[in-house]
Amino acid sequence: MAKIKVQNAEISVVSYNDNDYISLTDMTRSQMQDHIIFRWLSLKSTLEYIGEWEILYNPHFNCTEFGTIKNMA
Protein backbone atom coordinates (compact mmCIF):
# COMPACT_ATOMS: atom_id res chain seq x y z
CA MET A 1 0.00 0.00 0.00
CA ALA A 2 1.42 3.34 -1.04
CA LYS A 3 1.14 6.56 0.92
CA ILE A 4 1.04 10.17 -0.17
CA LYS A 5 1.67 13.21 1.98
CA VAL A 6 -0.95 15.95 1.89
CA GLN A 7 -0.64 18.97 4.20
CA ASN A 8 1.71 17.05 6.51
CA ALA A 9 -0.64 14.04 6.77
CA GLU A 10 0.07 10.59 5.34
CA ILE A 11 -2.85 9.25 3.29
CA SER A 12 -2.99 5.60 2.20
CA VAL A 13 -3.46 4.87 -1.50
CA VAL A 14 -4.65 1.46 -2.66
CA SER A 15 -4.54 0.37 -6.31
CA TYR A 16 -7.22 -2.00 -7.57
CA ASN A 17 -7.91 -2.85 -11.23
CA ASP A 18 -5.66 -0.02 -12.42
CA ASN A 19 -7.58 2.51 -10.29
CA ASP A 20 -6.24 4.34 -7.23
CA TYR A 21 -8.32 4.83 -4.11
CA ILE A 22 -7.48 7.10 -1.17
CA SER A 23 -8.37 6.43 2.46
CA LEU A 24 -11.16 8.65 3.79
CA THR A 25 -10.27 7.47 7.28
CA ASP A 26 -6.70 8.74 6.93
CA MET A 27 -8.00 12.05 5.62
CA THR A 28 -10.31 12.61 8.58
CA ARG A 29 -7.70 11.50 11.10
CA SER A 30 -5.36 14.09 9.67
CA GLN A 31 -7.88 16.73 10.68
CA MET A 32 -8.13 15.19 14.16
CA GLN A 33 -11.91 15.05 13.88
CA ASP A 34 -13.00 11.41 14.15
CA HIS A 35 -16.67 12.36 14.07
CA ILE A 36 -16.45 13.58 10.45
CA ILE A 37 -17.00 10.09 9.00
CA PHE A 38 -19.94 9.48 11.32
CA ARG A 39 -21.54 12.76 10.30
CA TRP A 40 -20.89 12.09 6.61
CA LEU A 41 -22.39 8.60 6.81
CA SER A 42 -25.49 9.90 8.57
CA LEU A 43 -26.43 12.22 5.70
CA LYS A 44 -29.39 10.97 3.67
CA SER A 45 -27.65 11.85 0.39
CA THR A 46 -24.63 9.73 1.39
CA LEU A 47 -26.87 6.79 2.27
CA GLU A 48 -28.68 7.14 -1.07
CA TYR A 49 -25.35 7.10 -2.90
CA ILE A 50 -24.17 4.01 -1.01
CA GLY A 51 -27.49 2.30 -1.73
CA GLU A 52 -27.25 3.01 -5.46
CA TRP A 53 -23.67 1.72 -5.53
CA GLU A 54 -24.66 -1.47 -3.72
CA ILE A 55 -27.61 -2.06 -6.08
CA LEU A 56 -25.27 -1.78 -9.07
CA TYR A 57 -22.35 -3.83 -7.76
CA ASN A 58 -23.60 -6.16 -5.02
CA PRO A 59 -25.90 -8.94 -6.27
CA HIS A 60 -26.68 -9.97 -2.66
CA PHE A 61 -27.67 -6.49 -1.47
CA ASN A 62 -30.78 -6.47 0.72
CA CYS A 63 -32.79 -3.57 -0.73
CA THR A 64 -35.69 -4.05 1.67
CA GLU A 65 -33.59 -3.77 4.81
CA PHE A 66 -31.61 -0.88 3.34
CA GLY A 67 -34.87 0.99 2.67
CA THR A 68 -35.70 0.76 6.37
CA ILE A 69 -32.27 2.12 7.33
CA LYS A 70 -32.45 4.93 4.77
CA ASN A 71 -35.92 6.00 5.96
CA MET A 72 -34.62 6.25 9.53
CA ALA A 73 -31.91 8.71 8.46
PDB file of N, CA and C in Angstrom:
ATOM      1  N   MET A   1       0.843  -1.166   0.000  1.00  0.00           N
ATOM      2  CA  MET A   1       0.000   0.000   0.000  1.00  0.00           C
ATOM      3  C   MET A   1       0.898   1.241   0.000  1.00  0.00           C
ATOM      4  N   ALA A   2       0.640   2.115  -0.932  1.00  0.00           N
ATOM      5  CA  ALA A   2       1.418   3.344  -1.038  1.00  0.00           C
ATOM      6  C   ALA A   2       0.822   4.415  -0.132  1.00  0.00           C
ATOM      7  N   LYS A   3       1.617   5.413   0.132  1.00  0.00           N
ATOM      8  CA  LYS A   3       1.140   6.562   0.925  1.00  0.00           C
ATOM      9  C   LYS A   3       1.560   7.833   0.219  1.00  0.00           C
ATOM     10  N   ILE A   4       0.708   8.837   0.331  1.00  0.00           N
ATOM     11  CA  ILE A   4       1.044  10.167  -0.167  1.00  0.00           C
ATOM     12  C   ILE A   4       0.986  11.122   1.012  1.00  0.00           C
ATOM     13  N   LYS A   5       1.673  12.227   0.907  1.00  0.00           N
ATOM     14  CA  LYS A   5       1.674  13.215   1.979  1.00  0.00           C
ATOM     15  C   LYS A   5       0.908  14.446   1.494  1.00  0.00           C
ATOM     16  N   VAL A   6      -0.118  14.808   2.231  1.00  0.00           N
ATOM     17  CA  VAL A   6      -0.953  15.954   1.895  1.00  0.00           C
ATOM     18  C   VAL A   6      -1.063  16.824   3.145  1.00  0.00           C
ATOM     19  N   GLN A   7      -0.606  18.036   3.068  1.00  0.00           N
ATOM     20  CA  GLN A   7      -0.644  18.974   4.195  1.00  0.00           C
ATOM     21  C   GLN A   7      -0.136  18.312   5.481  1.00  0.00           C
ATOM     22  N   ASN A   8       1.030  17.697   5.383  1.00  0.00           N
ATOM     23  CA  ASN A   8       1.714  17.049   6.512  1.00  0.00           C
ATOM     24  C   ASN A   8       0.984  15.832   7.077  1.00  0.00           C
ATOM     25  N   ALA A   9       0.059  15.248   6.330  1.00  0.00           N
ATOM     26  CA  ALA A   9      -0.639  14.043   6.771  1.00  0.00           C
ATOM     27  C   ALA A   9      -0.401  12.939   5.745  1.00  0.00           C
ATOM     28  N   GLU A  10      -0.115  11.721   6.234  1.00  0.00           N
ATOM     29  CA  GLU A  10       0.066  10.586   5.338  1.00  0.00           C
ATOM     30  C   GLU A  10      -1.291   9.956   5.037  1.00  0.00           C
ATOM     31  N   ILE A  11      -1.584   9.815   3.746  1.00  0.00           N
ATOM     32  CA  ILE A  11      -2.845   9.249   3.287  1.00  0.00           C
ATOM     33  C   ILE A  11      -2.531   7.971   2.517  1.00  0.00           C
ATOM     34  N   SER A  12      -3.195   6.877   2.876  1.00  0.00           N
ATOM     35  CA  SER A  12      -2.986   5.602   2.196  1.00  0.00           C
ATOM     36  C   SER A  12      -3.638   5.632   0.814  1.00  0.00           C
ATOM     37  N   VAL A  13      -2.943   5.007  -0.139  1.00  0.00           N
ATOM     38  CA  VAL A  13      -3.455   4.874  -1.497  1.00  0.00           C
ATOM     39  C   VAL A  13      -3.413   3.397  -1.860  1.00  0.00           C
ATOM     40  N   VAL A  14      -4.554   2.859  -2.278  1.00  0.00           N
ATOM     41  CA  VAL A  14      -4.653   1.457  -2.662  1.00  0.00           C
ATOM     42  C   VAL A  14      -4.983   1.399  -4.149  1.00  0.00           C
ATOM     43  N   SER A  15      -4.260   0.565  -4.892  1.00  0.00           N
ATOM     44  CA  SER A  15      -4.540   0.366  -6.314  1.00  0.00           C
ATOM     45  C   SER A  15      -5.328  -0.922  -6.497  1.00  0.00           C
ATOM     46  N   TYR A  16      -6.387  -0.838  -7.289  1.00  0.00           N
ATOM     47  CA  TYR A  16      -7.225  -1.999  -7.575  1.00  0.00           C
ATOM     48  C   TYR A  16      -7.746  -1.875  -8.995  1.00  0.00           C
ATOM     49  N   ASN A  17      -7.485  -2.862  -9.822  1.00  0.00           N
ATOM     50  CA  ASN A  17      -7.909  -2.849 -11.226  1.00  0.00           C
ATOM     51  C   ASN A  17      -7.473  -1.577 -11.941  1.00  0.00           C
ATOM     52  N   ASP A  18      -6.236  -1.214 -11.777  1.00  0.00           N
ATOM     53  CA  ASP A  18      -5.658  -0.019 -12.420  1.00  0.00           C
ATOM     54  C   ASP A  18      -6.312   1.296 -11.989  1.00  0.00           C
ATOM     55  N   ASN A  19      -6.999   1.293 -10.847  1.00  0.00           N
ATOM     56  CA  ASN A  19      -7.581   2.513 -10.286  1.00  0.00           C
ATOM     57  C   ASN A  19      -6.970   2.746  -8.909  1.00  0.00           C
ATOM     58  N   ASP A  20      -6.769   3.991  -8.546  1.00  0.00           N
ATOM     59  CA  ASP A  20      -6.237   4.343  -7.231  1.00  0.00           C
ATOM     60  C   ASP A  20      -7.358   4.857  -6.337  1.00  0.00           C
ATOM     61  N   TYR A  21      -7.327   4.423  -5.087  1.00  0.00           N
ATOM     62  CA  TYR A  21      -8.323   4.831  -4.105  1.00  0.00           C
ATOM     63  C   TYR A  21      -7.601   5.386  -2.879  1.00  0.00           C
ATOM     64  N   ILE A  22      -8.087   6.505  -2.353  1.00  0.00           N
ATOM     65  CA  ILE A  22      -7.478   7.098  -1.165  1.00  0.00           C
ATOM     66  C   ILE A  22      -8.327   6.771   0.057  1.00  0.00           C
ATOM     67  N   SER A  23      -7.699   6.784   1.212  1.00  0.00           N
ATOM     68  CA  SER A  23      -8.370   6.435   2.456  1.00  0.00           C
ATOM     69  C   SER A  23      -9.073   7.651   3.065  1.00  0.00           C
ATOM     70  N   LEU A  24     -10.400   7.577   3.134  1.00  0.00           N
ATOM     71  CA  LEU A  24     -11.157   8.655   3.787  1.00  0.00           C
ATOM     72  C   LEU A  24     -10.847   8.695   5.278  1.00  0.00           C
ATOM     73  N   THR A  25     -10.599   7.528   5.858  1.00  0.00           N
ATOM     74  CA  THR A  25     -10.272   7.468   7.280  1.00  0.00           C
ATOM     75  C   THR A  25      -8.983   8.229   7.567  1.00  0.00           C
ATOM     76  N   ASP A  26      -7.964   8.011   6.738  1.00  0.00           N
ATOM     77  CA  ASP A  26      -6.705   8.738   6.930  1.00  0.00           C
ATOM     78  C   ASP A  26      -6.906  10.238   6.770  1.00  0.00           C
ATOM     79  N   MET A  27      -7.757  10.625   5.837  1.00  0.00           N
ATOM     80  CA  MET A  27      -8.002  12.054   5.621  1.00  0.00           C
ATOM     81  C   MET A  27      -8.659  12.688   6.845  1.00  0.00           C
ATOM     82  N   THR A  28      -9.634  12.020   7.429  1.00  0.00           N
ATOM     83  CA  THR A  28     -10.313  12.607   8.585  1.00  0.00           C
ATOM     84  C   THR A  28      -9.423  12.585   9.822  1.00  0.00           C
ATOM     85  N   ARG A  29      -8.619  11.543   9.967  1.00  0.00           N
ATOM     86  CA  ARG A  29      -7.696  11.501  11.104  1.00  0.00           C
ATOM     87  C   ARG A  29      -6.698  12.649  11.030  1.00  0.00           C
ATOM     88  N   SER A  30      -6.331  13.010   9.817  1.00  0.00           N
ATOM     89  CA  SER A  30      -5.359  14.087   9.672  1.00  0.00           C
ATOM     90  C   SER A  30      -5.933  15.409  10.171  1.00  0.00           C
ATOM     91  N   GLN A  31      -7.241  15.513  10.182  1.00  0.00           N
ATOM     92  CA  GLN A  31      -7.879  16.729  10.682  1.00  0.00           C
ATOM     93  C   GLN A  31      -8.216  16.614  12.162  1.00  0.00           C
ATOM     94  N   MET A  32      -7.895  15.451  12.738  1.00  0.00           N
ATOM     95  CA  MET A  32      -8.134  15.190  14.161  1.00  0.00           C
ATOM     96  C   MET A  32      -9.607  15.368  14.528  1.00  0.00           C
ATOM     97  N   GLN A  33     -10.475  14.962  13.626  1.00  0.00           N
ATOM     98  CA  GLN A  33     -11.908  15.047  13.883  1.00  0.00           C
ATOM     99  C   GLN A  33     -12.546  13.712  13.517  1.00  0.00           C
ATOM    100  N   ASP A  34     -12.503  12.756  14.428  1.00  0.00           N
ATOM    101  CA  ASP A  34     -13.002  11.412  14.147  1.00  0.00           C
ATOM    102  C   ASP A  34     -14.496  11.378  13.844  1.00  0.00           C
ATOM    103  N   HIS A  35     -15.223  12.374  14.284  1.00  0.00           N
ATOM    104  CA  HIS A  35     -16.672  12.358  14.067  1.00  0.00           C
ATOM    105  C   HIS A  35     -17.060  12.743  12.642  1.00  0.00           C
ATOM    106  N   ILE A  36     -16.126  13.156  11.814  1.00  0.00           N
ATOM    107  CA  ILE A  36     -16.448  13.578  10.447  1.00  0.00           C
ATOM    108  C   ILE A  36     -17.057  12.426   9.654  1.00  0.00           C
ATOM    109  N   ILE A  37     -16.466  11.226   9.739  1.00  0.00           N
ATOM    110  CA  ILE A  37     -17.004  10.089   8.996  1.00  0.00           C
ATOM    111  C   ILE A  37     -18.406   9.759   9.478  1.00  0.00           C
ATOM    112  N   PHE A  38     -18.617   9.766  10.785  1.00  0.00           N
ATOM    113  CA  PHE A  38     -19.941   9.475  11.323  1.00  0.00           C
ATOM    114  C   PHE A  38     -20.958  10.469  10.785  1.00  0.00           C
ATOM    115  N   ARG A  39     -20.622  11.735  10.793  1.00  0.00           N
ATOM    116  CA  ARG A  39     -21.544  12.763  10.298  1.00  0.00           C
ATOM    117  C   ARG A  39     -21.803  12.589   8.814  1.00  0.00           C
ATOM    118  N   TRP A  40     -20.748  12.272   8.047  1.00  0.00           N
ATOM    119  CA  TRP A  40     -20.894  12.091   6.608  1.00  0.00           C
ATOM    120  C   TRP A  40     -21.793  10.897   6.308  1.00  0.00           C
ATOM    121  N   LEU A  41     -21.588   9.798   7.049  1.00  0.00           N
ATOM    122  CA  LEU A  41     -22.391   8.603   6.814  1.00  0.00           C
ATOM    123  C   LEU A  41     -23.838   8.756   7.259  1.00  0.00           C
ATOM    124  N   SER A  42     -24.119   9.717   8.105  1.00  0.00           N
ATOM    125  CA  SER A  42     -25.488   9.897   8.565  1.00  0.00           C
ATOM    126  C   SER A  42     -26.315  10.804   7.648  1.00  0.00           C
ATOM    127  N   LEU A  43     -25.694  11.387   6.650  1.00  0.00           N
ATOM    128  CA  LEU A  43     -26.433  12.216   5.699  1.00  0.00           C
ATOM    129  C   LEU A  43     -27.273  11.341   4.778  1.00  0.00           C
ATOM    130  N   LYS A  44     -28.509  11.759   4.531  1.00  0.00           N
ATOM    131  CA  LYS A  44     -29.388  10.967   3.667  1.00  0.00           C
ATOM    132  C   LYS A  44     -28.813  10.848   2.254  1.00  0.00           C
ATOM    133  N   SER A  45     -28.203  11.903   1.749  1.00  0.00           N
ATOM    134  CA  SER A  45     -27.646  11.853   0.393  1.00  0.00           C
ATOM    135  C   SER A  45     -26.505  10.833   0.305  1.00  0.00           C
ATOM    136  N   THR A  46     -25.713  10.712   1.368  1.00  0.00           N
ATOM    137  CA  THR A  46     -24.634   9.729   1.391  1.00  0.00           C
ATOM    138  C   THR A  46     -25.214   8.319   1.399  1.00  0.00           C
ATOM    139  N   LEU A  47     -26.239   8.110   2.219  1.00  0.00           N
ATOM    140  CA  LEU A  47     -26.872   6.792   2.266  1.00  0.00           C
ATOM    141  C   LEU A  47     -27.502   6.436   0.922  1.00  0.00           C
ATOM    142  N   GLU A  48     -28.104   7.404   0.251  1.00  0.00           N
ATOM    143  CA  GLU A  48     -28.684   7.141  -1.065  1.00  0.00           C
ATOM    144  C   GLU A  48     -27.602   6.744  -2.061  1.00  0.00           C
ATOM    145  N   TYR A  49     -26.466   7.426  -2.013  1.00  0.00           N
ATOM    146  CA  TYR A  49     -25.347   7.097  -2.899  1.00  0.00           C
ATOM    147  C   TYR A  49     -24.843   5.678  -2.634  1.00  0.00           C
ATOM    148  N   ILE A  50     -24.642   5.348  -1.367  1.00  0.00           N
ATOM    149  CA  ILE A  50     -24.169   4.010  -1.009  1.00  0.00           C
ATOM    150  C   ILE A  50     -25.168   2.950  -1.468  1.00  0.00           C
ATOM    151  N   GLY A  51     -26.460   3.232  -1.288  1.00  0.00           N
ATOM    152  CA  GLY A  51     -27.492   2.299  -1.728  1.00  0.00           C
ATOM    153  C   GLY A  51     -27.462   2.075  -3.230  1.00  0.00           C
ATOM    154  N   GLU A  52     -27.329   3.137  -3.998  1.00  0.00           N
ATOM    155  CA  GLU A  52     -27.252   3.007  -5.460  1.00  0.00           C
ATOM    156  C   GLU A  52     -26.029   2.195  -5.872  1.00  0.00           C
ATOM    157  N   TRP A  53     -24.895   2.458  -5.219  1.00  0.00           N
ATOM    158  CA  TRP A  53     -23.666   1.721  -5.533  1.00  0.00           C
ATOM    159  C   TRP A  53     -23.852   0.239  -5.238  1.00  0.00           C
ATOM    160  N   GLU A  54     -24.436  -0.071  -4.093  1.00  0.00           N
ATOM    161  CA  GLU A  54     -24.658  -1.472  -3.715  1.00  0.00           C
ATOM    162  C   GLU A  54     -25.610  -2.162  -4.691  1.00  0.00           C
ATOM    163  N   ILE A  55     -26.663  -1.479  -5.111  1.00  0.00           N
ATOM    164  CA  ILE A  55     -27.609  -2.064  -6.076  1.00  0.00           C
ATOM    165  C   ILE A  55     -26.894  -2.420  -7.374  1.00  0.00           C
ATOM    166  N   LEU A  56     -25.993  -1.542  -7.813  1.00  0.00           N
ATOM    167  CA  LEU A  56     -25.275  -1.779  -9.066  1.00  0.00           C
ATOM    168  C   LEU A  56     -24.234  -2.890  -8.963  1.00  0.00           C
ATOM    169  N   TYR A  57     -23.523  -2.968  -7.840  1.00  0.00           N
ATOM    170  CA  TYR A  57     -22.352  -3.833  -7.760  1.00  0.00           C
ATOM    171  C   TYR A  57     -22.443  -4.995  -6.778  1.00  0.00           C
ATOM    172  N   ASN A  58     -23.490  -5.086  -6.003  1.00  0.00           N
ATOM    173  CA  ASN A  58     -23.603  -6.163  -5.020  1.00  0.00           C
ATOM    174  C   ASN A  58     -24.863  -6.984  -5.307  1.00  0.00           C
ATOM    175  N   PRO A  59     -24.716  -8.147  -5.928  1.00  0.00           N
ATOM    176  CA  PRO A  59     -25.898  -8.944  -6.272  1.00  0.00           C
ATOM    177  C   PRO A  59     -26.647  -9.483  -5.044  1.00  0.00           C
ATOM    178  N   HIS A  60     -26.044  -9.464  -3.875  1.00  0.00           N
ATOM    179  CA  HIS A  60     -26.681  -9.971  -2.657  1.00  0.00           C
ATOM    180  C   HIS A  60     -27.189  -8.846  -1.753  1.00  0.00           C
ATOM    181  N   PHE A  61     -27.251  -7.639  -2.273  1.00  0.00           N
ATOM    182  CA  PHE A  61     -27.667  -6.485  -1.474  1.00  0.00           C
ATOM    183  C   PHE A  61     -29.132  -6.619  -1.082  1.00  0.00           C
ATOM    184  N   ASN A  62     -29.423  -6.378   0.196  1.00  0.00           N
ATOM    185  CA  ASN A  62     -30.779  -6.469   0.721  1.00  0.00           C
ATOM    186  C   ASN A  62     -31.451  -5.099   0.622  1.00  0.00           C
ATOM    187  N   CYS A  63     -32.149  -4.865  -0.486  1.00  0.00           N
ATOM    188  CA  CYS A  63     -32.787  -3.567  -0.734  1.00  0.00           C
ATOM    189  C   CYS A  63     -33.868  -3.247   0.298  1.00  0.00           C
ATOM    190  N   THR A  64     -34.601  -4.264   0.722  1.00  0.00           N
ATOM    191  CA  THR A  64     -35.688  -4.046   1.674  1.00  0.00           C
ATOM    192  C   THR A  64     -35.160  -3.533   3.005  1.00  0.00           C
ATOM    193  N   GLU A  65     -34.156  -4.197   3.533  1.00  0.00           N
ATOM    194  CA  GLU A  65     -33.589  -3.766   4.810  1.00  0.00           C
ATOM    195  C   GLU A  65     -32.920  -2.406   4.678  1.00  0.00           C
ATOM    196  N   PHE A  66     -32.250  -2.177   3.548  1.00  0.00           N
ATOM    197  CA  PHE A  66     -31.609  -0.881   3.342  1.00  0.00           C
ATOM    198  C   PHE A  66     -32.650   0.233   3.313  1.00  0.00           C
ATOM    199  N   GLY A  67     -33.802  -0.007   2.707  1.00  0.00           N
ATOM    200  CA  GLY A  67     -34.866   0.992   2.668  1.00  0.00           C
ATOM    201  C   GLY A  67     -35.292   1.419   4.062  1.00  0.00           C
ATOM    202  N   THR A  68     -35.356   0.449   4.972  1.00  0.00           N
ATOM    203  CA  THR A  68     -35.697   0.759   6.365  1.00  0.00           C
ATOM    204  C   THR A  68     -34.645   1.652   6.999  1.00  0.00           C
ATOM    205  N   ILE A  69     -33.362   1.333   6.767  1.00  0.00           N
ATOM    206  CA  ILE A  69     -32.273   2.121   7.329  1.00  0.00           C
ATOM    207  C   ILE A  69     -32.280   3.526   6.745  1.00  0.00           C
ATOM    208  N   LYS A  70     -32.466   3.627   5.427  1.00  0.00           N
ATOM    209  CA  LYS A  70     -32.452   4.934   4.767  1.00  0.00           C
ATOM    210  C   LYS A  70     -33.602   5.808   5.269  1.00  0.00           C
ATOM    211  N   ASN A  71     -34.760   5.224   5.483  1.00  0.00           N
ATOM    212  CA  ASN A  71     -35.915   5.999   5.959  1.00  0.00           C
ATOM    213  C   ASN A  71     -35.724   6.489   7.384  1.00  0.00           C
ATOM    214  N   MET A  72     -34.894   5.821   8.161  1.00  0.00           N
ATOM    215  CA  MET A  72     -34.616   6.251   9.530  1.00  0.00           C
ATOM    216  C   MET A  72     -33.630   7.421   9.571  1.00  0.00           C
ATOM    217  N   ALA A  73     -32.934   7.641   8.483  1.00  0.00           N
ATOM    218  CA  ALA A  73     -31.905   8.709   8.460  1.00  0.00           C
ATOM    219  C   ALA A  73     -32.549  10.078   8.421  1.00  0.00           C
TER     220      ALA A  73
END
